[in-house]
């Protein structure tokens, strides 16, 4: 959801918690997505260096782009997942 001039809003859900808590973040569309990842990780008390953000379809998002680019490509509903859980058996 666009929230006025130059801002985008993301709903980020923590997938590793069975209760599926979420946070709604409003950020400038030109903010680096690495900053969004870092802030969301801190909100959920996860390590940003070992976390990734994926779409609801499970597609990984490259953090080397702006928040506005991610919003346009993937929409507003995203998921935070600790990387140590990706591909583990």
C-alpha atoms as a PDB file:
ATOM      1  CA  UNK A   1       0.000   0.000   0.000  1.00  0.00           C
ATOM      2  CA  UNK A   2       1.414   3.378  -0.956  1.00  0.00           C
ATOM      3  CA  UNK A   3       1.127   5.739   2.022  1.00  0.00           C
ATOM      4  CA  UNK A   4       1.586   9.175   0.555  1.00  0.00           C
ATOM      5  CA  UNK A   5       4.379  10.857  -1.336  1.00  0.00           C
ATOM      6  CA  UNK A   6       7.561   8.841  -1.314  1.00  0.00           C
ATOM      7  CA  UNK A   7       6.555   6.162   1.227  1.00  0.00           C
ATOM      8  CA  UNK A   8       5.659   2.479   0.980  1.00  0.00           C
ATOM      9  CA  UNK A   9       4.194   0.162   3.601  1.00  0.00           C
ATOM     10  CA  UNK A  10       5.148  -3.463   4.220  1.00  0.00           C
ATOM     11  CA  UNK A  11       3.470  -6.057   6.424  1.00  0.00           C
ATOM     12  CA  UNK A  12       6.282  -8.391   7.492  1.00  0.00           C
ATOM     13  CA  UNK A  13       5.411 -11.682   9.208  1.00  0.00           C
ATOM     14  CA  UNK A  14       7.876 -13.748  11.256  1.00  0.00           C
ATOM     15  CA  UNK A  15       7.534 -17.270   9.834  1.00  0.00           C
ATOM     16  CA  UNK A  16       9.638 -19.044  12.474  1.00  0.00           C
ATOM     17  CA  UNK A  17       7.087 -18.279  15.222  1.00  0.00           C
ATOM     18  CA  UNK A  18       3.959 -20.501  15.215  1.00  0.00           C
ATOM     19  CA  UNK A  19       1.859 -17.487  16.279  1.00  0.00           C
ATOM     20  CA  UNK A  20       2.933 -15.649  13.068  1.00  0.00           C
ATOM     21  CA  UNK A  21       3.456 -12.205  14.606  1.00  0.00           C
ATOM     22  CA  UNK A  22       3.788  -9.332  12.160  1.00  0.00           C
ATOM     23  CA  UNK A  23       4.926  -5.720  11.997  1.00  0.00           C
ATOM     24  CA  UNK A  24       3.728  -2.996   9.654  1.00  0.00           C
ATOM     25  CA  UNK A  25       6.576  -0.767   8.475  1.00  0.00           C
ATOM     26  CA  UNK A  26       6.239   2.518   6.580  1.00  0.00           C
ATOM     27  CA  UNK A  27       9.502   3.499   4.907  1.00  0.00           C
ATOM     28  CA  UNK A  28      10.672   5.964   2.248  1.00  0.00           C
ATOM     29  CA  UNK A  29      10.462   4.322  -1.173  1.00  0.00           C
ATOM     30  CA  UNK A  30      14.107   5.217  -1.862  1.00  0.00           C
ATOM     31  CA  UNK A  31      15.329   3.539   1.371  1.00  0.00           C
ATOM     32  CA  UNK A  32      17.742   0.660   0.781  1.00  0.00           C
ATOM     33  CA  UNK A  33      15.959  -2.647   1.364  1.00  0.00           C
ATOM     34  CA  UNK A  34      18.921  -3.802   3.464  1.00  0.00           C
ATOM     35  CA  UNK A  35      17.839  -1.182   6.017  1.00  0.00           C
ATOM     36  CA  UNK A  36      14.277  -2.567   5.967  1.00  0.00           C
ATOM     37  CA  UNK A  37      15.639  -6.086   6.526  1.00  0.00           C
ATOM     38  CA  UNK A  38      17.839  -4.894   9.404  1.00  0.00           C
ATOM     39  CA  UNK A  39      15.016  -2.964  11.090  1.00  0.00           C
ATOM     40  CA  UNK A  40      12.485  -5.791  10.698  1.00  0.00           C
ATOM     41  CA  UNK A  41      14.989  -8.294  12.098  1.00  0.00           C
ATOM     42  CA  UNK A  42      15.620  -6.089  15.129  1.00  0.00           C
ATOM     43  CA  UNK A  43      11.867  -5.702  15.699  1.00  0.00           C
ATOM     44  CA  UNK A  44      11.545  -9.504  15.941  1.00  0.00           C
ATOM     45  CA  UNK A  45      14.810  -9.858  17.924  1.00  0.00           C
ATOM     46  CA  UNK A  46      16.401 -11.866  15.098  1.00  0.00           C
ATOM     47  CA  UNK A  47      19.932 -11.448  13.782  1.00  0.00           C
ATOM     48  CA  UNK A  48      19.805  -9.390  10.566  1.00  0.00           C
ATOM     49  CA  UNK A  49      22.952 -11.096   9.288  1.00  0.00           C
ATOM     50  CA  UNK A  50      21.267 -14.502   9.426  1.00  0.00           C
ATOM     51  CA  UNK A  51      17.785 -13.499   8.240  1.00  0.00           C
ATOM     52  CA  UNK A  52      16.149 -13.137   4.847  1.00  0.00           C
ATOM     53  CA  UNK A  53      12.902 -11.675   3.585  1.00  0.00           C
ATOM     54  CA  UNK A  54      10.782 -13.766   1.230  1.00  0.00           C
ATOM     55  CA  UNK A  55       7.427 -13.349  -0.494  1.00  0.00           C
ATOM     56  CA  UNK A  56       4.313 -15.225   0.608  1.00  0.00           C
ATOM     57  CA  UNK A  57       5.043 -17.603  -2.308  1.00  0.00           C
ATOM     58  CA  UNK A  58       8.474 -18.414  -0.855  1.00  0.00           C
ATOM     59  CA  UNK A  59      10.521 -16.424  -3.366  1.00  0.00           C
ATOM     60  CA  UNK A  60      13.653 -14.851  -1.907  1.00  0.00           C
ATOM     61  CA  UNK A  61      14.111 -11.091  -2.263  1.00  0.00           C
ATOM     62  CA  UNK A  62      17.470  -9.590  -3.172  1.00  0.00           C
ATOM     63  CA  UNK A  63      18.065  -6.862  -0.571  1.00  0.00           C
ATOM     64  CA  UNK A  64      20.338  -4.892  -2.941  1.00  0.00           C
ATOM     65  CA  UNK A  65      17.481  -2.691  -4.193  1.00  0.00           C
ATOM     66  CA  UNK A  66      15.261   0.063  -2.869  1.00  0.00           C
ATOM     67  CA  UNK A  67      12.108  -0.435  -0.818  1.00  0.00           C
ATOM     68  CA  UNK A  68      10.103   1.072  -3.692  1.00  0.00           C
ATOM     69  CA  UNK A  69      11.478  -1.479  -6.171  1.00  0.00           C
ATOM     70  CA  UNK A  70      10.654  -4.362  -3.814  1.00  0.00           C
ATOM     71  CA  UNK A  71       7.143  -2.977  -3.279  1.00  0.00           C
ATOM     72  CA  UNK A  72       6.508  -2.749  -7.030  1.00  0.00           C
ATOM     73  CA  UNK A  73       7.906  -6.228  -7.765  1.00  0.00           C
ATOM     74  CA  UNK A  74       6.598  -8.191  -4.775  1.00  0.00           C
ATOM     75  CA  UNK A  75       3.814  -6.207  -3.097  1.00  0.00           C
ATOM     76  CA  UNK A  76       3.395  -5.272   0.541  1.00  0.00           C
ATOM     77  CA  UNK A  77       3.047  -8.640   2.314  1.00  0.00           C
ATOM     78  CA  UNK A  78       6.405 -10.250   3.034  1.00  0.00           C
ATOM     79  CA  UNK A  79       7.879 -12.808   5.423  1.00  0.00           C
ATOM     80  CA  UNK A  80      11.016 -12.748   7.576  1.00  0.00           C
ATOM     81  CA  UNK A  81      12.796 -16.073   7.910  1.00  0.00           C
ATOM     82  CA  UNK A  82      16.029 -16.911   9.743  1.00  0.00           C
ATOM     83  CA  UNK A  83      18.474 -18.221   7.117  1.00  0.00           C
ATOM     84  CA  UNK A  84      19.642 -21.083   9.331  1.00  0.00           C
ATOM     85  CA  UNK A  85      16.190 -22.583   8.815  1.00  0.00           C
ATOM     86  CA  UNK A  86      16.321 -22.330   5.022  1.00  0.00           C
ATOM     87  CA  UNK A  87      17.129 -25.676   3.449  1.00  0.00           C
ATOM     88  CA  UNK A  88      17.677 -27.421   6.775  1.00  0.00           C
ATOM     89  CA  UNK A  89      16.337 -30.918   7.237  1.00  0.00           C
END
